[in-house]
N, C-alpha and C. Protein backbone atom coordinates (compact mmCIF):
# COMPACT_ATOMS: atom_id res chain seq x y z
N MET A 1 86.16 106.86 92.52
CA MET A 1 87.33 107.59 92.12
C MET A 1 88.37 107.49 93.22
N THR A 2 89.57 107.10 92.87
CA THR A 2 90.66 107.01 93.83
C THR A 2 91.19 108.40 94.12
N THR A 3 91.33 108.74 95.38
CA THR A 3 91.90 110.03 95.76
C THR A 3 93.31 109.88 96.32
N ILE A 4 93.69 108.67 96.68
CA ILE A 4 95.03 108.39 97.17
C ILE A 4 95.72 107.54 96.11
N PRO A 5 96.87 107.99 95.60
CA PRO A 5 97.58 107.14 94.64
C PRO A 5 98.00 105.84 95.34
N LEU A 6 97.64 104.72 94.75
CA LEU A 6 97.91 103.43 95.37
C LEU A 6 99.24 102.86 94.88
N PRO A 7 100.08 102.41 95.81
CA PRO A 7 101.33 101.80 95.39
C PRO A 7 101.07 100.49 94.64
N ASP A 8 101.90 100.20 93.68
CA ASP A 8 101.81 98.96 92.92
C ASP A 8 102.46 97.85 93.73
N PRO A 9 101.71 96.82 94.12
CA PRO A 9 102.29 95.74 94.91
C PRO A 9 103.48 95.06 94.24
N ASP A 10 103.48 95.02 92.90
CA ASP A 10 104.59 94.40 92.18
C ASP A 10 105.87 95.20 92.28
N ARG A 11 105.77 96.47 92.60
CA ARG A 11 106.94 97.33 92.72
C ARG A 11 107.32 97.62 94.17
N ALA A 12 106.54 97.10 95.10
CA ALA A 12 106.81 97.33 96.52
C ALA A 12 108.11 96.63 96.91
N ALA A 13 108.75 97.15 97.94
CA ALA A 13 110.01 96.58 98.41
C ALA A 13 110.00 96.51 99.94
N GLY A 14 110.95 95.76 100.47
CA GLY A 14 111.14 95.70 101.91
C GLY A 14 109.94 95.16 102.66
N LYS A 15 109.65 95.80 103.79
CA LYS A 15 108.57 95.37 104.68
C LYS A 15 107.22 95.42 103.97
N THR A 16 107.00 96.45 103.17
CA THR A 16 105.73 96.57 102.45
C THR A 16 105.53 95.37 101.54
N ARG A 17 106.55 94.99 100.80
CA ARG A 17 106.45 93.84 99.90
C ARG A 17 106.17 92.56 100.68
N GLU A 18 106.88 92.40 101.79
CA GLU A 18 106.71 91.21 102.63
C GLU A 18 105.25 91.09 103.11
N ILE A 19 104.68 92.19 103.55
CA ILE A 19 103.31 92.17 104.06
C ILE A 19 102.31 92.01 102.92
N PHE A 20 102.52 92.72 101.80
CA PHE A 20 101.65 92.53 100.63
C PHE A 20 101.62 91.06 100.22
N ASP A 21 102.78 90.42 100.21
CA ASP A 21 102.84 89.00 99.83
C ASP A 21 102.04 88.13 100.81
N ALA A 22 102.14 88.42 102.11
CA ALA A 22 101.40 87.66 103.12
C ALA A 22 99.89 87.90 102.98
N ILE A 23 99.52 89.14 102.75
CA ILE A 23 98.11 89.47 102.58
C ILE A 23 97.54 88.75 101.36
N LEU A 24 98.24 88.84 100.25
CA LEU A 24 97.74 88.20 99.03
C LEU A 24 97.66 86.69 99.19
N ALA A 25 98.65 86.09 99.83
CA ALA A 25 98.62 84.64 100.04
C ALA A 25 97.37 84.24 100.83
N ARG A 26 97.07 84.99 101.89
CA ARG A 26 95.87 84.67 102.68
C ARG A 26 94.60 84.92 101.90
N GLU A 27 94.50 86.08 101.23
CA GLU A 27 93.28 86.41 100.51
C GLU A 27 93.06 85.48 99.31
N GLN A 28 94.13 84.98 98.71
CA GLN A 28 93.98 83.98 97.65
C GLN A 28 93.42 82.68 98.22
N ARG A 29 94.00 82.25 99.32
CA ARG A 29 93.59 80.99 99.94
C ARG A 29 92.16 81.05 100.45
N VAL A 30 91.79 82.12 101.11
CA VAL A 30 90.49 82.21 101.77
C VAL A 30 89.38 82.69 100.84
N PHE A 31 89.67 83.69 100.02
CA PHE A 31 88.63 84.32 99.21
C PHE A 31 88.82 84.16 97.71
N GLY A 32 89.94 83.59 97.28
CA GLY A 32 90.21 83.46 95.86
C GLY A 32 90.65 84.76 95.20
N ALA A 33 91.14 85.71 96.00
CA ALA A 33 91.57 87.01 95.47
C ALA A 33 92.74 86.83 94.51
N THR A 34 92.83 87.73 93.55
CA THR A 34 93.93 87.68 92.59
C THR A 34 94.87 88.87 92.71
N SER A 35 94.52 89.80 93.59
CA SER A 35 95.39 90.96 93.80
C SER A 35 95.18 91.50 95.22
N VAL A 36 96.12 92.32 95.67
CA VAL A 36 96.02 92.96 96.97
C VAL A 36 94.92 94.01 96.89
N SER A 37 93.97 94.00 97.82
CA SER A 37 92.85 94.94 97.76
C SER A 37 93.32 96.37 98.03
N ASN A 38 92.52 97.30 97.56
CA ASN A 38 92.87 98.72 97.66
C ASN A 38 93.04 99.20 99.10
N ILE A 39 92.28 98.65 100.03
CA ILE A 39 92.40 99.11 101.42
C ILE A 39 93.80 98.84 101.94
N TRP A 40 94.37 97.69 101.57
CA TRP A 40 95.74 97.37 101.98
C TRP A 40 96.74 98.19 101.19
N ARG A 41 96.48 98.36 99.91
CA ARG A 41 97.42 99.12 99.06
C ARG A 41 97.57 100.56 99.55
N CYS A 42 96.47 101.20 99.96
CA CYS A 42 96.58 102.59 100.39
C CYS A 42 97.43 102.72 101.66
N MET A 43 97.48 101.66 102.46
CA MET A 43 98.34 101.68 103.65
C MET A 43 99.80 101.42 103.32
N GLY A 44 100.06 100.96 102.09
CA GLY A 44 101.42 100.63 101.68
C GLY A 44 102.37 101.81 101.68
N HIS A 45 101.84 103.03 101.71
CA HIS A 45 102.69 104.21 101.78
C HIS A 45 103.44 104.29 103.12
N LEU A 46 102.86 103.70 104.16
CA LEU A 46 103.46 103.74 105.49
C LEU A 46 103.60 102.30 105.99
N PRO A 47 104.77 101.71 105.81
CA PRO A 47 104.94 100.30 106.20
C PRO A 47 104.56 100.00 107.64
N ALA A 48 104.82 100.91 108.56
CA ALA A 48 104.47 100.67 109.97
C ALA A 48 102.95 100.59 110.14
N LEU A 49 102.21 101.45 109.45
CA LEU A 49 100.75 101.41 109.49
C LEU A 49 100.23 100.12 108.87
N LEU A 50 100.77 99.76 107.73
CA LEU A 50 100.38 98.52 107.06
C LEU A 50 100.64 97.33 107.97
N GLU A 51 101.80 97.28 108.57
CA GLU A 51 102.15 96.16 109.44
C GLU A 51 101.24 96.09 110.67
N SER A 52 100.97 97.22 111.30
CA SER A 52 100.14 97.19 112.50
C SER A 52 98.70 96.78 112.17
N ASN A 53 98.18 97.23 111.04
CA ASN A 53 96.83 96.84 110.65
C ASN A 53 96.77 95.38 110.20
N TRP A 54 97.81 94.88 109.56
CA TRP A 54 97.87 93.47 109.20
C TRP A 54 97.89 92.61 110.46
N ASN A 55 98.68 93.02 111.46
CA ASN A 55 98.72 92.28 112.72
C ASN A 55 97.39 92.33 113.45
N ARG A 56 96.72 93.47 113.41
CA ARG A 56 95.39 93.60 114.02
C ARG A 56 94.39 92.71 113.30
N SER A 57 94.45 92.71 111.99
CA SER A 57 93.55 91.87 111.22
C SER A 57 93.79 90.39 111.53
N ARG A 58 95.03 90.01 111.63
CA ARG A 58 95.34 88.61 111.94
C ARG A 58 94.81 88.24 113.32
N ALA A 59 94.91 89.16 114.27
CA ALA A 59 94.44 88.87 115.63
C ALA A 59 92.91 88.82 115.71
N LEU A 60 92.23 89.72 114.99
CA LEU A 60 90.78 89.82 115.11
C LEU A 60 90.01 89.01 114.07
N MET A 61 90.53 88.94 112.87
CA MET A 61 89.74 88.38 111.77
C MET A 61 90.20 87.00 111.31
N GLN A 62 91.30 86.50 111.84
CA GLN A 62 91.82 85.24 111.31
C GLN A 62 91.93 84.14 112.37
N ARG A 63 91.40 84.39 113.53
CA ARG A 63 91.46 83.38 114.58
C ARG A 63 90.10 83.27 115.25
N GLY A 64 89.82 82.14 115.85
CA GLY A 64 88.58 81.98 116.58
C GLY A 64 87.65 80.96 115.94
N ARG A 65 86.43 80.90 116.47
CA ARG A 65 85.45 79.89 116.06
C ARG A 65 84.73 80.20 114.76
N PHE A 66 84.59 81.47 114.40
CA PHE A 66 83.85 81.83 113.21
C PHE A 66 84.68 81.61 111.95
N THR A 67 84.00 81.30 110.85
CA THR A 67 84.67 81.15 109.57
C THR A 67 85.08 82.53 109.05
N PRO A 68 86.01 82.58 108.10
CA PRO A 68 86.36 83.88 107.52
C PRO A 68 85.15 84.60 106.92
N LEU A 69 84.26 83.85 106.28
CA LEU A 69 83.07 84.47 105.71
C LEU A 69 82.18 85.06 106.80
N GLN A 70 81.99 84.35 107.89
CA GLN A 70 81.17 84.87 108.99
C GLN A 70 81.79 86.14 109.56
N ARG A 71 83.09 86.16 109.72
CA ARG A 71 83.77 87.35 110.26
C ARG A 71 83.57 88.55 109.33
N GLU A 72 83.72 88.32 108.03
CA GLU A 72 83.54 89.40 107.06
C GLU A 72 82.10 89.90 107.06
N LEU A 73 81.14 88.99 107.18
CA LEU A 73 79.74 89.40 107.23
C LEU A 73 79.43 90.23 108.48
N ILE A 74 80.01 89.86 109.60
CA ILE A 74 79.83 90.64 110.83
C ILE A 74 80.45 92.03 110.66
N ALA A 75 81.65 92.07 110.11
CA ALA A 75 82.31 93.37 109.89
C ALA A 75 81.50 94.24 108.94
N THR A 76 80.94 93.64 107.91
CA THR A 76 80.11 94.39 106.96
C THR A 76 78.85 94.90 107.64
N ALA A 77 78.21 94.07 108.45
CA ALA A 77 77.00 94.49 109.16
C ALA A 77 77.31 95.66 110.11
N VAL A 78 78.42 95.61 110.79
CA VAL A 78 78.80 96.71 111.69
C VAL A 78 79.05 97.98 110.88
N SER A 79 79.72 97.84 109.73
CA SER A 79 79.97 99.01 108.87
C SER A 79 78.66 99.63 108.39
N VAL A 80 77.72 98.80 107.99
CA VAL A 80 76.41 99.30 107.53
C VAL A 80 75.69 100.00 108.68
N ALA A 81 75.72 99.39 109.85
CA ALA A 81 75.05 99.98 111.02
C ALA A 81 75.66 101.33 111.40
N ASN A 82 76.95 101.49 111.12
CA ASN A 82 77.64 102.74 111.43
C ASN A 82 77.67 103.71 110.25
N ALA A 83 76.94 103.37 109.18
CA ALA A 83 76.86 104.21 107.98
C ALA A 83 78.23 104.46 107.35
N CYS A 84 79.09 103.45 107.41
CA CYS A 84 80.41 103.53 106.78
C CYS A 84 80.23 103.48 105.26
N HIS A 85 80.91 104.33 104.54
CA HIS A 85 80.75 104.38 103.09
C HIS A 85 81.76 103.53 102.35
N TYR A 86 82.71 102.91 103.01
CA TYR A 86 83.69 102.09 102.30
C TYR A 86 83.18 100.68 102.12
């Protein structure tokens, strides 16, 4: 059940739209995604938060020796180890 109303990426404007477009382009290319995931959408309410987390993701999850799949698997394993429910 969603507790935060999620902004519609198709109706986003300005910086939020720019970042949503970049996120979707990457997720389509790497994972075959067809829409912006909810974790990014919930940050769309605050463009500065969305931008800083997108930049952090690009720095940590999109560069280096590991493949995108390996990075996601590591992140998932850490979340499980920390009992993260998302």
